[in-house]
Amino acid sequence: MGQHLVIDEQPSAPPGTDCNGTGHSEACDILIGFSDDCNDNGSPDECDIDSGSSPDCTGNGIPDECEPDCNQNGEADSRDIDAGLAKDCQPNGVPDVCDIADGTSGDVNDNDIPDECDECPPVNRPNPEEALVPKNRYLSLTSGNAGHQTAMRVTYPSPGSAAPSDPPVCP
């Protein structure tokens, strides 16, 4: 025999227990799934927001305390991104530093920019520390004319020495 849920309720909710005007008590709205209660306080989320007991700074109908906050700064991730406090280069609604921390994105050069968004793509090197040491490099080019070679010296500046308008210097 199947189970039945019987809700013994008056045709309309008693005064003061129907914050969202559904005609049912708040407990009934939550129980039947008409309303969410993400913070488990016994009050529908829309009522928490309307009463001001839970802010909804993102305006998405979800109390801020129930929004993802992967960097644990007390603000919803979407709010961090919208305010420019966190970058989301993919964009997937998750701050880049959190994508890196949870392994969703790699960051082989440890610059807090996911590899798929990095202007300087990762380079496979036998010794990862080699990428951190500025060095002078030479590039030898051979033209179509036999015996003619052109040497070009490529210098990588020390960290912090590139002007802001200079293009990124990749190791």
Protein backbone atom coordinates (compact mmCIF):
# COMPACT_ATOMS: atom_id res chain seq x y z
CA MET A 1 0.00 0.00 0.00
CA GLY A 2 1.32 3.47 -0.92
CA GLN A 3 1.94 6.22 1.55
CA HIS A 4 -0.17 9.33 1.53
CA LEU A 5 0.65 12.71 2.94
CA VAL A 6 -2.31 14.37 4.55
CA ILE A 7 -2.01 18.04 5.37
CA ASP A 8 -4.62 19.07 7.87
CA GLU A 9 -5.01 22.74 7.16
CA GLN A 10 -7.79 25.24 7.05
CA PRO A 11 -8.91 26.37 3.58
CA SER A 12 -6.91 29.53 4.14
CA ALA A 13 -3.91 29.98 6.38
CA PRO A 14 -4.39 31.66 9.73
CA PRO A 15 -3.48 35.36 9.74
CA GLY A 16 0.24 36.00 10.05
CA THR A 17 1.37 32.59 8.76
CA ASP A 18 1.03 33.21 5.02
CA CYS A 19 3.81 35.65 4.23
CA ASN A 20 3.74 35.08 0.49
CA GLY A 21 -0.03 35.15 -0.09
CA THR A 22 -0.43 31.57 -1.35
CA GLY A 23 -3.33 30.82 0.95
CA HIS A 24 -1.25 28.18 2.74
CA SER A 25 0.94 28.40 5.80
CA GLU A 26 4.66 28.92 5.34
CA ALA A 27 5.35 25.41 6.65
CA CYS A 28 2.96 23.92 4.08
CA ASP A 29 4.50 25.92 1.22
CA ILE A 30 7.92 24.54 2.15
CA LEU A 31 6.66 21.00 2.75
CA ILE A 32 4.90 20.67 -0.62
CA GLY A 33 7.82 22.31 -2.44
CA PHE A 34 5.98 25.47 -3.45
CA SER A 35 8.67 27.53 -1.69
CA ASP A 36 12.33 26.93 -0.93
CA ASP A 37 13.89 27.39 2.49
CA CYS A 38 17.61 27.26 1.69
CA ASN A 39 18.70 28.46 5.14
CA ASP A 40 16.35 26.06 7.01
CA ASN A 41 14.84 28.78 9.18
CA GLY A 42 11.23 27.64 8.59
CA SER A 43 10.39 30.65 6.45
CA PRO A 44 10.16 30.62 2.63
CA ASP A 45 13.13 32.31 0.95
CA GLU A 46 10.92 34.90 -0.76
CA CYS A 47 9.52 35.87 2.65
CA ASP A 48 13.02 36.18 4.15
CA ILE A 49 13.98 38.51 1.29
CA ASP A 50 10.74 40.54 1.42
CA SER A 51 11.01 41.01 5.20
CA GLY A 52 14.67 42.03 4.98
CA SER A 53 15.84 39.21 7.26
CA SER A 54 17.91 37.85 4.34
CA PRO A 55 19.47 40.19 1.79
CA ASP A 56 19.36 39.37 -1.92
CA CYS A 57 21.97 41.74 -3.32
CA THR A 58 22.12 39.84 -6.61
CA GLY A 59 18.35 40.15 -7.12
CA ASN A 60 17.98 36.51 -8.17
CA GLY A 61 15.45 35.47 -5.52
CA ILE A 62 17.99 33.46 -3.51
CA PRO A 63 19.07 34.78 -0.10
CA ASP A 64 22.72 35.79 -0.19
CA GLU A 65 23.63 33.40 2.64
CA CYS A 66 22.56 30.53 0.35
CA GLU A 67 24.60 31.65 -2.66
CA PRO A 68 27.95 29.97 -3.37
CA ASP A 69 30.88 31.76 -1.68
CA CYS A 70 33.89 29.68 -2.67
CA ASN A 71 36.46 32.20 -1.45
CA GLN A 72 34.71 32.51 1.95
CA ASN A 73 34.69 36.32 1.97
CA GLY A 74 31.04 36.63 3.01
CA GLU A 75 29.86 37.79 -0.44
CA ALA A 76 28.16 35.68 -3.09
CA ASP A 77 30.58 34.66 -5.86
CA SER A 78 28.34 36.31 -8.47
CA ARG A 79 28.49 39.56 -6.52
CA ASP A 80 32.30 39.38 -6.28
CA ILE A 81 32.45 38.92 -10.06
CA ASP A 82 29.91 41.68 -10.83
CA ALA A 83 31.72 44.12 -8.52
CA GLY A 84 35.09 43.34 -10.13
CA LEU A 85 36.46 41.88 -6.89
CA ALA A 86 37.04 38.52 -8.58
CA LYS A 87 37.79 37.59 -12.17
CA ASP A 88 35.84 34.98 -14.11
CA CYS A 89 37.54 34.63 -17.49
CA GLN A 90 35.59 31.57 -18.73
CA PRO A 91 32.82 32.91 -17.69
CA ASN A 92 31.20 30.16 -15.62
CA GLY A 93 29.94 32.15 -12.62
CA VAL A 94 32.81 30.95 -10.42
CA PRO A 95 35.82 33.14 -9.55
CA ASP A 96 38.98 32.02 -11.36
CA VAL A 97 40.89 31.47 -8.11
CA CYS A 98 38.18 29.01 -7.04
CA ASP A 99 38.29 27.18 -10.40
CA ILE A 100 42.03 26.77 -9.86
CA ALA A 101 41.69 25.75 -6.21
CA ASP A 102 39.08 23.06 -6.92
CA GLY A 103 40.96 21.71 -9.96
CA THR A 104 38.38 22.78 -12.56
CA SER A 105 41.13 24.84 -14.22
CA GLY A 106 44.88 24.38 -14.25
CA ASP A 107 47.44 27.08 -13.48
CA VAL A 108 50.85 25.61 -14.27
CA ASN A 109 52.65 28.95 -13.97
CA ASP A 110 50.98 29.84 -10.62
CA ASN A 111 49.81 33.31 -11.70
CA ASP A 112 46.17 32.84 -10.53
CA ILE A 113 44.95 32.94 -14.14
CA PRO A 114 43.41 29.70 -15.44
CA ASP A 115 45.58 28.21 -18.17
CA GLU A 116 42.70 28.36 -20.68
CA CYS A 117 42.57 32.17 -20.22
CA ASP A 118 46.25 32.93 -19.77
CA GLU A 119 47.77 35.26 -22.36
CA CYS A 120 51.03 33.41 -21.90
CA PRO A 121 50.16 29.76 -22.44
CA PRO A 122 51.98 27.25 -20.26
CA VAL A 123 55.22 25.87 -21.63
CA ASN A 124 56.33 22.35 -20.83
CA ARG A 125 59.77 22.56 -19.28
CA PRO A 126 61.85 19.82 -17.70
CA ASN A 127 62.52 22.17 -14.77
CA PRO A 128 59.51 24.34 -13.79
CA GLU A 129 61.79 26.74 -11.88
CA GLU A 130 63.49 27.65 -15.17
CA ALA A 131 60.45 29.75 -16.14
CA LEU A 132 60.98 31.99 -13.11
CA VAL A 133 64.56 33.01 -13.93
CA PRO A 134 64.90 35.85 -16.46
CA LYS A 135 67.49 34.93 -19.09
CA ASN A 136 68.85 36.19 -22.39
CA ARG A 137 67.96 33.89 -25.24
CA TYR A 138 69.15 33.77 -28.83
CA LEU A 139 67.03 32.83 -31.78
CA SER A 140 68.69 31.81 -35.01
CA LEU A 141 66.70 32.30 -38.21
CA THR A 142 67.72 30.96 -41.60
CA SER A 143 66.45 32.81 -44.65
CA GLY A 144 65.69 31.26 -48.02
CA ASN A 145 69.14 32.31 -49.27
CA ALA A 146 71.69 29.60 -48.70
CA GLY A 147 74.31 30.47 -46.15
CA HIS A 148 72.59 33.59 -44.79
CA GLN A 149 71.65 33.49 -41.14
CA THR A 150 70.19 36.20 -38.96
CA ALA A 151 70.69 36.12 -35.20
CA MET A 152 68.25 37.87 -32.95
CA ARG A 153 68.73 38.41 -29.23
CA VAL A 154 65.57 38.02 -27.15
CA THR A 155 65.79 39.47 -23.65
CA TYR A 156 63.22 38.71 -21.01
CA PRO A 157 62.91 41.59 -18.56
CA SER A 158 63.15 41.11 -14.83
CA PRO A 159 59.77 40.77 -13.08
CA GLY A 160 58.10 44.14 -12.69
CA SER A 161 60.30 45.93 -15.21
CA ALA A 162 57.90 45.84 -18.17
CA ALA A 163 55.90 49.00 -18.73
CA PRO A 164 52.12 48.65 -18.30
CA SER A 165 51.62 49.34 -22.03
CA ASP A 166 54.07 46.59 -23.06
CA PRO A 167 52.56 43.31 -24.26
CA PRO A 168 52.83 40.39 -21.82
CA VAL A 169 56.24 38.77 -21.71
CA CYS A 170 55.91 35.02 -21.89
CA PRO A 171 58.66 32.79 -20.48
